[in-house]
Amino acid sequence: MTFDAAVARLDEAFRRALPGPAAHDRMAPIPRREWPTGHNPARIRDAAALLLMFPAAEAAKPSPLAKTATPKPPLPTLRAAHIVLTVRADTLRRHSGQVSLPGGVVEPGETFEQAAIREAREEVALRDEVRVRGALTPLDIPVSGFRLHPIVATLDARPVLAAIDGEVARILEVAVDDLIDPSHLIHSSRERDGIPVQVPAFRVSDHEIWGATAMVLAEFLALLGWSGSFPR
C-alpha cells in the first residue's frame, strides 16, 4: 500500500465512527485479561502512544502472472507506507523484549497528542514535526494499570531515528503491507497465571507483535480496509 493511499484512507476513516473493540478483538488474547474484581477505575493511569506512518522507497512487486521470458523495464519505486515500532529492552521489569509503540505516561497538563509526541522524541529521537491524523480508541491494559490512548500521525518523508532511551533496544520500520499480509498472521500458545492462552500475533521482521500493540494495530489496519482474516 502506498503512503498516499494509506493517508487518504485514514483521513476518510477518521471522519466516521471507529471500529473500536470489534477491531481490538481480532488480535486480543483468548481469554483476554480483565481488570481484577473490586478494581477502582479512578486508579487507572492514562498513557499515550504514537503510531507514526511514513513513506519509504520500495520497488514495486511484479504480478505473479507476469511472464519472465521477455526482458522487462525496471519496475517503478513506490512510496510504501511504513510505521515505527520499538523493541523493548531485555532489562525492563515489564514487557521486556516485546514490540511496542513509542509511548508512556501522560504527564500533568499534557494532552494525549502532546504526550505521545514527547515520548517519541524521548525514545526514538523524533525531531520532525508530525501531522496528527486522529486518535484511535483508548485501550485498557490491566496488567500495567494503564488506559492507552493511541495517536496516529504521519510524516511526508522517512524520519531519521535512534534509540536514545534505555527502554528501547531496537527500532523497527515495518511496512503496512507486511502487517496486512495473511501469511504474517499467526496464533501461538502461552501461559498466564497457570492458564493456557491463545495469542494472535503479527510475525514480521523476525519479531512477534502481540498483546496491546497488536490490538492497537488491528484498529489502525481496519481503518485501511484490513479484514483481519487468518490463513486457514
Protein backbone atom coordinates (compact mmCIF):
# COMPACT_ATOMS: atom_id res chain seq x y z
CA MET A 1 0.00 0.00 0.00
CA THR A 2 1.39 3.37 -0.94
CA PHE A 3 1.75 6.09 1.64
CA ASP A 4 -0.57 8.44 -0.22
CA ALA A 5 -3.30 5.80 -0.49
CA ALA A 6 -2.98 4.99 3.21
CA VAL A 7 -3.23 8.68 4.18
CA ALA A 8 -6.36 9.10 2.06
CA ARG A 9 -7.97 6.06 3.69
CA LEU A 10 -7.06 7.25 7.18
CA ASP A 11 -8.46 10.72 6.64
CA GLU A 12 -11.71 9.25 5.35
CA ALA A 13 -11.92 6.70 8.18
CA PHE A 14 -11.39 9.29 10.92
CA ARG A 15 -14.49 11.09 9.68
CA ARG A 16 -16.56 8.03 10.62
CA ALA A 17 -17.15 6.10 13.85
CA LEU A 18 -14.14 3.99 14.83
CA PRO A 19 -14.41 0.18 14.92
CA GLY A 20 -13.00 0.16 18.48
CA PRO A 21 -13.39 -3.10 20.46
CA ALA A 22 -14.60 -5.03 17.42
CA ALA A 23 -11.19 -4.43 15.81
CA HIS A 24 -9.27 -4.96 19.06
CA ASP A 25 -10.88 -8.37 19.49
CA ARG A 26 -9.32 -9.63 16.25
CA MET A 27 -5.89 -9.62 17.91
CA ALA A 28 -6.85 -9.99 21.58
CA PRO A 29 -5.50 -12.95 23.56
CA ILE A 30 -8.07 -15.60 24.48
CA PRO A 31 -9.05 -15.43 27.28
CA ARG A 32 -8.49 -11.70 27.48
CA ARG A 33 -7.07 -10.25 30.69
CA GLU A 34 -9.67 -8.25 32.65
CA TRP A 35 -9.46 -5.76 35.49
CA PRO A 36 -9.43 -7.60 38.85
CA THR A 37 -12.59 -7.78 40.91
CA GLY A 38 -13.01 -4.67 43.05
CA HIS A 39 -10.64 -2.61 40.91
CA ASN A 40 -11.08 1.14 41.38
CA PRO A 41 -11.41 2.81 37.95
CA ALA A 42 -10.11 6.05 39.45
CA ARG A 43 -6.71 4.39 39.79
CA ILE A 44 -6.32 3.81 36.04
CA ARG A 45 -3.42 5.85 34.68
CA ASP A 46 -3.51 7.46 31.24
CA ALA A 47 -0.76 6.66 28.76
CA ALA A 48 -0.30 7.76 25.16
CA ALA A 49 1.47 6.16 22.21
CA LEU A 50 2.44 7.47 18.79
CA LEU A 51 1.59 5.40 15.74
CA LEU A 52 3.74 7.15 13.16
CA MET A 53 3.33 6.36 9.47
CA PHE A 54 5.78 7.49 6.81
CA PRO A 55 6.79 6.64 3.21
CA ALA A 56 9.83 4.54 2.38
CA ALA A 57 11.15 3.65 -1.04
CA GLU A 58 10.22 0.14 -2.09
CA ALA A 59 10.38 -1.48 -5.51
CA ALA A 60 7.03 -2.42 -6.98
CA LYS A 61 6.47 -6.17 -7.00
CA PRO A 62 5.77 -7.90 -10.32
CA SER A 63 2.50 -9.70 -10.80
CA PRO A 64 2.78 -13.44 -10.14
CA LEU A 65 1.03 -13.93 -13.51
CA ALA A 66 3.61 -11.94 -15.45
CA LYS A 67 5.76 -13.86 -17.95
CA THR A 68 9.50 -13.56 -17.36
CA ALA A 69 10.92 -14.81 -20.67
CA THR A 70 10.98 -11.34 -22.24
CA PRO A 71 13.15 -8.69 -20.52
CA LYS A 72 11.05 -6.00 -18.91
CA PRO A 73 11.95 -2.44 -17.93
CA PRO A 74 12.66 -1.88 -14.22
CA LEU A 75 9.57 -1.62 -12.07
CA PRO A 76 8.86 1.80 -10.53
CA THR A 77 9.80 2.64 -6.97
CA LEU A 78 6.83 3.16 -4.67
CA ARG A 79 6.45 5.33 -1.60
CA ALA A 80 5.26 2.41 0.51
CA ALA A 81 3.55 3.09 3.84
CA HIS A 82 5.60 2.09 6.89
CA ILE A 83 5.13 2.52 10.64
CA VAL A 84 7.55 2.90 13.55
CA LEU A 85 7.68 0.24 16.28
CA THR A 86 10.21 -0.40 19.02
CA VAL A 87 11.63 -3.48 20.70
CA ARG A 88 11.71 -3.02 24.45
CA ALA A 89 14.98 -3.63 26.28
CA ASP A 90 15.50 -7.01 27.94
CA THR A 91 16.42 -5.25 31.18
CA LEU A 92 12.91 -3.92 31.79
CA ARG A 93 10.77 -5.45 34.53
CA ARG A 94 7.59 -5.41 32.44
CA HIS A 95 7.13 -6.32 28.78
CA SER A 96 10.88 -6.82 28.21
CA GLY A 97 11.77 -7.83 24.66
CA GLN A 98 8.27 -7.12 23.38
CA VAL A 99 7.41 -4.98 20.38
CA SER A 100 5.57 -1.77 21.21
CA LEU A 101 4.74 1.72 20.02
CA PRO A 102 6.73 4.68 21.33
CA GLY A 103 4.76 5.90 24.31
CA GLY A 104 4.40 6.33 28.04
CA VAL A 105 2.60 8.05 30.88
CA VAL A 106 0.70 11.27 30.24
CA GLU A 107 2.20 14.00 32.40
CA PRO A 108 0.02 16.55 34.25
CA GLY A 109 -1.15 19.30 31.92
CA GLU A 110 -0.42 17.33 28.73
CA THR A 111 -2.90 16.35 26.08
CA PHE A 112 -2.73 12.82 24.74
CA GLU A 113 -1.25 14.14 21.50
CA GLN A 114 1.46 16.08 23.34
CA ALA A 115 2.35 13.08 25.48
CA ALA A 116 2.59 10.71 22.51
CA ILE A 117 4.87 13.05 20.57
CA ARG A 118 7.03 13.80 23.62
CA GLU A 119 7.51 10.10 24.29
CA ALA A 120 8.55 9.54 20.67
CA ARG A 121 11.09 12.33 20.98
CA GLU A 122 12.47 10.78 24.17
CA GLU A 123 12.51 7.16 22.99
CA VAL A 124 13.42 7.28 19.30
CA ALA A 125 14.82 10.82 18.87
CA LEU A 126 11.95 12.02 16.69
CA ARG A 127 12.83 15.55 15.63
CA ASP A 128 10.41 16.19 12.79
CA GLU A 129 7.10 17.98 13.17
CA VAL A 130 4.43 15.36 12.58
CA ARG A 131 0.89 15.81 11.31
CA VAL A 132 -1.67 14.27 13.65
CA ARG A 133 -4.40 12.44 11.73
CA GLY A 134 -6.56 11.32 14.61
CA ALA A 135 -6.87 9.28 17.80
CA LEU A 136 -7.71 5.61 17.90
CA THR A 137 -9.99 4.05 20.51
CA PRO A 138 -8.47 4.00 24.03
CA LEU A 139 -7.39 0.53 25.13
CA ASP A 140 -7.26 -0.66 28.74
CA ILE A 141 -4.16 -2.65 29.75
CA PRO A 142 -4.99 -4.23 33.12
CA VAL A 143 -1.59 -5.89 33.59
CA SER A 144 0.10 -2.48 33.88
CA GLY A 145 -2.85 -0.39 35.08
CA PHE A 146 -2.93 1.91 32.05
CA ARG A 147 -5.52 3.20 29.64
CA LEU A 148 -3.62 3.66 26.39
CA HIS A 149 -4.56 6.48 24.00
CA PRO A 150 -3.01 5.79 20.56
CA ILE A 151 -2.39 8.82 18.36
CA VAL A 152 -1.95 8.35 14.61
CA ALA A 153 0.39 10.79 12.88
CA THR A 154 2.25 11.00 9.59
CA LEU A 155 5.45 12.35 8.11
CA ASP A 156 5.88 13.01 4.40
CA ALA A 157 9.44 11.65 4.44
CA ARG A 158 11.27 8.83 6.18
CA PRO A 159 12.48 10.07 9.58
CA VAL A 160 15.99 9.66 10.94
CA LEU A 161 15.52 7.89 14.27
CA ALA A 162 17.75 6.49 17.01
CA ALA A 163 17.11 4.55 20.20
CA ILE A 164 18.08 7.09 22.86
CA ASP A 165 16.08 5.79 25.80
CA GLY A 166 17.16 2.88 27.99
CA GLU A 167 13.78 1.28 27.42
CA VAL A 168 14.34 0.82 23.66
CA ALA A 169 16.66 -1.86 22.33
CA ARG A 170 15.85 -1.50 18.65
CA ILE A 171 13.68 0.48 16.23
CA LEU A 172 11.61 -1.34 13.63
CA GLU A 173 10.34 0.21 10.40
CA VAL A 174 7.52 -2.10 9.36
CA ALA A 175 5.73 -1.99 6.03
CA VAL A 176 1.96 -1.80 6.28
CA ASP A 177 1.81 -4.42 3.51
CA ASP A 178 3.66 -6.86 5.77
CA LEU A 179 1.10 -6.38 8.52
CA ILE A 180 -1.89 -6.95 6.24
CA ASP A 181 -0.32 -10.00 4.57
CA PRO A 182 -2.34 -13.01 5.86
CA SER A 183 0.78 -15.18 5.85
CA HIS A 184 2.22 -12.98 8.61
CA LEU A 185 -0.69 -13.67 10.98
CA ILE A 186 -0.12 -16.45 13.49
CA HIS A 187 -1.55 -17.98 16.64
CA SER A 188 0.73 -19.04 19.48
CA SER A 189 0.11 -20.69 22.83
CA ARG A 190 1.30 -19.03 26.02
CA GLU A 191 0.61 -19.39 29.72
CA ARG A 192 -0.70 -16.71 32.05
CA ASP A 193 -1.03 -17.41 35.78
CA GLY A 194 -1.05 -21.12 35.02
CA ILE A 195 -3.84 -20.79 32.43
CA PRO A 196 -3.28 -21.58 28.73
CA VAL A 197 -3.79 -18.55 26.50
CA GLN A 198 -4.19 -18.44 22.71
CA VAL A 199 -2.42 -15.38 21.37
CA PRO A 200 -2.90 -13.99 17.85
CA ALA A 201 0.12 -12.08 16.56
CA PHE A 202 1.78 -10.46 13.58
CA ARG A 203 5.12 -12.07 12.69
CA VAL A 204 7.26 -9.53 10.83
CA SER A 205 10.94 -8.57 10.85
CA ASP A 206 11.73 -11.73 12.88
CA HIS A 207 9.52 -10.44 15.69
CA GLU A 208 6.09 -11.38 17.03
CA ILE A 209 3.80 -8.41 17.67
CA TRP A 210 1.08 -9.36 20.12
CA GLY A 211 -0.93 -8.10 23.09
CA ALA A 212 -1.89 -4.45 23.34
CA THR A 213 0.34 -3.40 20.44
CA ALA A 214 -1.28 -5.91 18.10
CA MET A 215 -4.74 -4.80 19.25
CA VAL A 216 -3.95 -1.15 18.52
CA LEU A 217 -2.55 -2.12 15.12
CA ALA A 218 -5.71 -4.12 14.40
CA GLU A 219 -7.83 -0.98 14.66
CA PHE A 220 -5.33 1.08 12.66
CA LEU A 221 -5.29 -1.54 9.90
CA ALA A 222 -9.08 -1.79 9.96
CA LEU A 223 -9.18 1.90 9.02
CA LEU A 224 -7.09 0.98 5.99
CA GLY A 225 -9.53 -1.76 4.97
CA TRP A 226 -7.92 -4.81 6.63
CA SER A 227 -10.35 -7.61 7.38
CA GLY A 228 -8.20 -9.44 9.93
CA SER A 229 -8.59 -12.84 8.26
CA PHE A 230 -6.16 -15.52 9.40
CA PRO A 231 -4.83 -18.08 6.90
CA ARG A 232 -6.52 -21.48 7.07
